[in-house]
Amino acid sequence: MAQWKKRLAAMQENQVGWRYKQVARMLERHGYEPPKNPSGSHRVFRHPSGRRVGLKDPGKGTLLPVYVTNALDGIDAVAGKQGGNDDD
């Protein structure tokens, strides 16, 4: 099993303790585009399908579980449209 799949499974099992960069990388892996001109602490990732996921970059520390849950919902929503993204 690829490392990103293990990380996604761990994220689905426990939404506590994830850093912004980890969740942002997972969103990018599933086709979400990072914000073009990030300013402030809130970032909105956009998918070509029109789906949007918001994250709050706390700087140091971890994301609140609600942001991880929202990211996972966004990944699940586009995973069926992409066919699972099983390369790697």
N, C-alpha and C. Protein backbone atom coordinates (compact mmCIF):
# COMPACT_ATOMS: atom_id res chain seq x y z
N MET A 1 0.85 -1.18 0.00
CA MET A 1 0.00 0.00 0.00
C MET A 1 0.89 1.24 0.00
N ALA A 2 0.57 2.18 -0.84
CA ALA A 2 1.35 3.41 -0.95
C ALA A 2 1.25 4.20 0.36
N GLN A 3 2.29 4.97 0.63
CA GLN A 3 2.34 5.72 1.88
C GLN A 3 1.17 6.71 1.99
N TRP A 4 0.80 7.36 0.87
CA TRP A 4 -0.29 8.33 0.93
C TRP A 4 -1.61 7.65 1.27
N LYS A 5 -1.77 6.39 0.83
CA LYS A 5 -3.00 5.66 1.15
C LYS A 5 -3.04 5.32 2.64
N LYS A 6 -1.89 4.97 3.20
CA LYS A 6 -1.82 4.70 4.64
C LYS A 6 -2.13 5.96 5.43
N ARG A 7 -1.59 7.08 4.97
CA ARG A 7 -1.84 8.35 5.66
C ARG A 7 -3.32 8.73 5.57
N LEU A 8 -3.93 8.52 4.41
CA LEU A 8 -5.36 8.82 4.25
C LEU A 8 -6.19 7.94 5.16
N ALA A 9 -5.86 6.65 5.26
CA ALA A 9 -6.59 5.74 6.14
C ALA A 9 -6.44 6.16 7.60
N ALA A 10 -5.23 6.58 7.98
CA ALA A 10 -5.02 7.04 9.35
C ALA A 10 -5.79 8.33 9.63
N MET A 11 -5.87 9.19 8.63
CA MET A 11 -6.59 10.45 8.76
C MET A 11 -8.09 10.18 8.92
N GLN A 12 -8.60 9.19 8.18
CA GLN A 12 -10.02 8.85 8.27
C GLN A 12 -10.36 8.23 9.63
N GLU A 13 -9.40 7.51 10.19
CA GLU A 13 -9.62 6.85 11.47
C GLU A 13 -9.56 7.84 12.64
N ASN A 14 -8.66 8.80 12.56
CA ASN A 14 -8.48 9.76 13.65
C ASN A 14 -8.19 11.14 13.08
N GLN A 15 -9.10 12.08 13.28
CA GLN A 15 -8.97 13.42 12.70
C GLN A 15 -8.18 14.38 13.61
N VAL A 16 -7.70 13.91 14.72
CA VAL A 16 -6.98 14.77 15.67
C VAL A 16 -5.48 14.69 15.44
N GLY A 17 -4.81 15.85 15.50
CA GLY A 17 -3.35 15.87 15.49
C GLY A 17 -2.70 16.03 14.12
N TRP A 18 -3.43 16.46 13.11
CA TRP A 18 -2.88 16.61 11.77
C TRP A 18 -2.46 18.05 11.53
N ARG A 19 -1.32 18.23 10.90
CA ARG A 19 -0.82 19.56 10.59
C ARG A 19 -1.37 20.04 9.24
N TYR A 20 -1.37 21.36 9.08
CA TYR A 20 -1.88 21.98 7.85
C TYR A 20 -1.20 21.40 6.61
N LYS A 21 0.12 21.30 6.64
CA LYS A 21 0.85 20.83 5.45
C LYS A 21 0.48 19.40 5.08
N GLN A 22 0.23 18.56 6.06
CA GLN A 22 -0.15 17.18 5.78
C GLN A 22 -1.51 17.11 5.06
N VAL A 23 -2.46 17.86 5.56
CA VAL A 23 -3.80 17.85 4.96
C VAL A 23 -3.78 18.54 3.60
N ALA A 24 -3.02 19.64 3.50
CA ALA A 24 -2.92 20.35 2.22
C ALA A 24 -2.31 19.44 1.15
N ARG A 25 -1.28 18.68 1.50
CA ARG A 25 -0.67 17.76 0.54
C ARG A 25 -1.66 16.69 0.08
N MET A 26 -2.48 16.22 1.01
CA MET A 26 -3.47 15.20 0.65
C MET A 26 -4.51 15.78 -0.31
N LEU A 27 -4.93 17.01 -0.07
CA LEU A 27 -5.88 17.66 -0.97
C LEU A 27 -5.27 17.85 -2.36
N GLU A 28 -4.03 18.31 -2.41
CA GLU A 28 -3.35 18.50 -3.69
C GLU A 28 -3.20 17.18 -4.43
N ARG A 29 -2.95 16.11 -3.71
CA ARG A 29 -2.81 14.79 -4.32
C ARG A 29 -4.10 14.35 -5.00
N HIS A 30 -5.22 14.84 -4.50
CA HIS A 30 -6.52 14.47 -5.06
C HIS A 30 -7.08 15.53 -6.00
N GLY A 31 -6.21 16.40 -6.51
CA GLY A 31 -6.61 17.31 -7.57
C GLY A 31 -7.01 18.70 -7.14
N TYR A 32 -6.97 18.99 -5.85
CA TYR A 32 -7.31 20.34 -5.38
C TYR A 32 -6.13 21.28 -5.64
N GLU A 33 -6.45 22.48 -6.04
CA GLU A 33 -5.42 23.48 -6.30
C GLU A 33 -5.27 24.37 -5.08
N PRO A 34 -4.02 24.62 -4.66
CA PRO A 34 -3.81 25.48 -3.50
C PRO A 34 -4.20 26.92 -3.82
N PRO A 35 -4.43 27.74 -2.82
CA PRO A 35 -4.79 29.13 -3.07
C PRO A 35 -3.68 29.84 -3.83
N LYS A 36 -4.06 30.68 -4.78
CA LYS A 36 -3.07 31.37 -5.61
C LYS A 36 -2.32 32.45 -4.82
N ASN A 37 -3.04 33.27 -4.08
CA ASN A 37 -2.42 34.34 -3.30
C ASN A 37 -2.88 34.24 -1.86
N PRO A 38 -2.27 33.32 -1.10
CA PRO A 38 -2.73 33.17 0.27
C PRO A 38 -2.41 34.41 1.12
N SER A 39 -3.42 34.88 1.82
CA SER A 39 -3.21 35.97 2.76
C SER A 39 -4.08 35.66 3.97
N GLY A 40 -3.62 36.00 5.11
CA GLY A 40 -4.33 35.64 6.32
C GLY A 40 -4.13 34.18 6.65
N SER A 41 -4.93 33.67 7.55
CA SER A 41 -4.73 32.29 7.99
C SER A 41 -5.67 31.29 7.31
N HIS A 42 -6.73 31.77 6.68
CA HIS A 42 -7.68 30.86 6.04
C HIS A 42 -7.33 30.66 4.56
N ARG A 43 -7.30 29.38 4.16
CA ARG A 43 -6.95 29.03 2.79
C ARG A 43 -8.10 28.21 2.18
N VAL A 44 -8.43 28.49 0.93
CA VAL A 44 -9.49 27.74 0.24
C VAL A 44 -8.86 27.00 -0.94
N PHE A 45 -8.97 25.69 -0.90
CA PHE A 45 -8.48 24.83 -1.98
C PHE A 45 -9.64 24.58 -2.92
N ARG A 46 -9.38 24.68 -4.22
CA ARG A 46 -10.44 24.51 -5.22
C ARG A 46 -10.12 23.32 -6.12
N HIS A 47 -11.15 22.56 -6.41
CA HIS A 47 -11.04 21.42 -7.32
C HIS A 47 -11.61 21.84 -8.66
N PRO A 48 -11.09 21.32 -9.78
CA PRO A 48 -11.65 21.67 -11.10
C PRO A 48 -13.14 21.38 -11.23
N SER A 49 -13.66 20.47 -10.42
CA SER A 49 -15.09 20.16 -10.46
C SER A 49 -15.95 21.24 -9.82
N GLY A 50 -15.30 22.19 -9.14
CA GLY A 50 -16.02 23.27 -8.48
C GLY A 50 -16.09 23.12 -6.97
N ARG A 51 -15.73 21.97 -6.47
CA ARG A 51 -15.75 21.71 -5.02
C ARG A 51 -14.68 22.55 -4.34
N ARG A 52 -15.00 23.10 -3.17
CA ARG A 52 -14.05 23.91 -2.41
C ARG A 52 -13.92 23.36 -0.99
N VAL A 53 -12.69 23.43 -0.46
CA VAL A 53 -12.42 23.00 0.91
C VAL A 53 -11.60 24.09 1.58
N GLY A 54 -12.06 24.54 2.73
CA GLY A 54 -11.36 25.57 3.48
C GLY A 54 -10.56 24.99 4.62
N LEU A 55 -9.34 25.49 4.79
CA LEU A 55 -8.49 25.12 5.92
C LEU A 55 -8.00 26.38 6.61
N LYS A 56 -7.74 26.28 7.87
CA LYS A 56 -7.16 27.40 8.61
C LYS A 56 -5.74 26.99 8.97
N ASP A 57 -4.77 27.75 8.47
CA ASP A 57 -3.37 27.47 8.75
C ASP A 57 -3.03 28.09 10.10
N PRO A 58 -2.85 27.26 11.14
CA PRO A 58 -2.56 27.81 12.45
C PRO A 58 -1.11 28.24 12.64
N GLY A 59 -0.28 28.09 11.61
CA GLY A 59 1.14 28.39 11.77
C GLY A 59 1.81 27.21 12.44
N LYS A 60 1.89 27.25 13.74
CA LYS A 60 2.41 26.12 14.50
C LYS A 60 1.22 25.34 15.06
N GLY A 61 1.43 24.11 15.36
CA GLY A 61 0.36 23.32 15.95
C GLY A 61 -0.44 22.55 14.91
N THR A 62 -1.58 22.05 15.35
CA THR A 62 -2.37 21.17 14.51
C THR A 62 -3.72 21.81 14.17
N LEU A 63 -4.34 21.27 13.13
CA LEU A 63 -5.66 21.72 12.70
C LEU A 63 -6.73 21.20 13.65
N LEU A 64 -7.82 21.92 13.72
CA LEU A 64 -8.97 21.42 14.44
C LEU A 64 -9.56 20.23 13.66
N PRO A 65 -10.10 19.25 14.36
CA PRO A 65 -10.66 18.07 13.68
C PRO A 65 -11.72 18.41 12.63
N VAL A 66 -12.47 19.49 12.82
CA VAL A 66 -13.52 19.85 11.85
C VAL A 66 -12.91 20.15 10.47
N TYR A 67 -11.73 20.77 10.42
CA TYR A 67 -11.09 21.05 9.14
C TYR A 67 -10.62 19.76 8.46
N VAL A 68 -10.12 18.81 9.24
CA VAL A 68 -9.69 17.53 8.68
C VAL A 68 -10.91 16.78 8.14
N THR A 69 -12.01 16.80 8.88
CA THR A 69 -13.24 16.14 8.45
C THR A 69 -13.74 16.76 7.14
N ASN A 70 -13.72 18.08 7.05
CA ASN A 70 -14.15 18.76 5.82
C ASN A 70 -13.25 18.37 4.64
N ALA A 71 -11.94 18.28 4.87
CA ALA A 71 -11.02 17.88 3.81
C ALA A 71 -11.31 16.44 3.36
N LEU A 72 -11.56 15.56 4.31
CA LEU A 72 -11.88 14.17 3.97
C LEU A 72 -13.18 14.08 3.18
N ASP A 73 -14.17 14.88 3.56
CA ASP A 73 -15.43 14.91 2.80
C ASP A 73 -15.19 15.39 1.37
N GLY A 74 -14.33 16.39 1.21
CA GLY A 74 -13.99 16.89 -0.12
C GLY A 74 -13.26 15.85 -0.96
N ILE A 75 -12.36 15.12 -0.33
CA ILE A 75 -11.62 14.07 -1.03
C ILE A 75 -12.58 12.96 -1.46
N ASP A 76 -13.47 12.57 -0.56
CA ASP A 76 -14.46 11.53 -0.89
C ASP A 76 -15.37 11.97 -2.03
N ALA A 77 -15.73 13.24 -2.05
CA ALA A 77 -16.64 13.76 -3.07
C ALA A 77 -16.03 13.71 -4.47
N VAL A 78 -14.72 13.95 -4.57
CA VAL A 78 -14.09 13.95 -5.89
C VAL A 78 -13.44 12.62 -6.25
N ALA A 79 -13.25 11.73 -5.29
CA ALA A 79 -12.58 10.45 -5.56
C ALA A 79 -13.36 9.62 -6.57
N GLY A 80 -14.68 9.61 -6.48
CA GLY A 80 -15.50 8.85 -7.43
C GLY A 80 -15.42 9.43 -8.83
N LYS A 81 -15.31 10.76 -8.94
CA LYS A 81 -15.24 11.41 -10.24
C LYS A 81 -13.90 11.15 -10.92
N GLN A 82 -12.84 10.93 -10.13
CA GLN A 82 -11.51 10.72 -10.69
C GLN A 82 -11.22 9.25 -10.93
N GLY A 83 -12.05 8.39 -10.42
CA GLY A 83 -11.78 6.96 -10.59
C GLY A 83 -10.85 6.41 -9.53
N GLY A 84 -10.68 7.13 -8.42
CA GLY A 84 -9.91 6.59 -7.31
C GLY A 84 -8.48 7.07 -7.24
N ASN A 85 -7.88 7.54 -8.34
CA ASN A 85 -6.51 8.05 -8.32
C ASN A 85 -5.54 7.02 -7.76
N ASP A 86 -5.50 5.80 -8.35
CA ASP A 86 -4.72 4.71 -7.81
C ASP A 86 -3.28 4.64 -8.32
N ASP A 87 -2.81 5.64 -9.06
CA ASP A 87 -1.42 5.58 -9.50
C ASP A 87 -0.51 5.77 -8.29
N ASP A 88 0.71 5.28 -8.34
CA ASP A 88 1.70 5.31 -7.25
C ASP A 88 1.46 4.18 -6.34
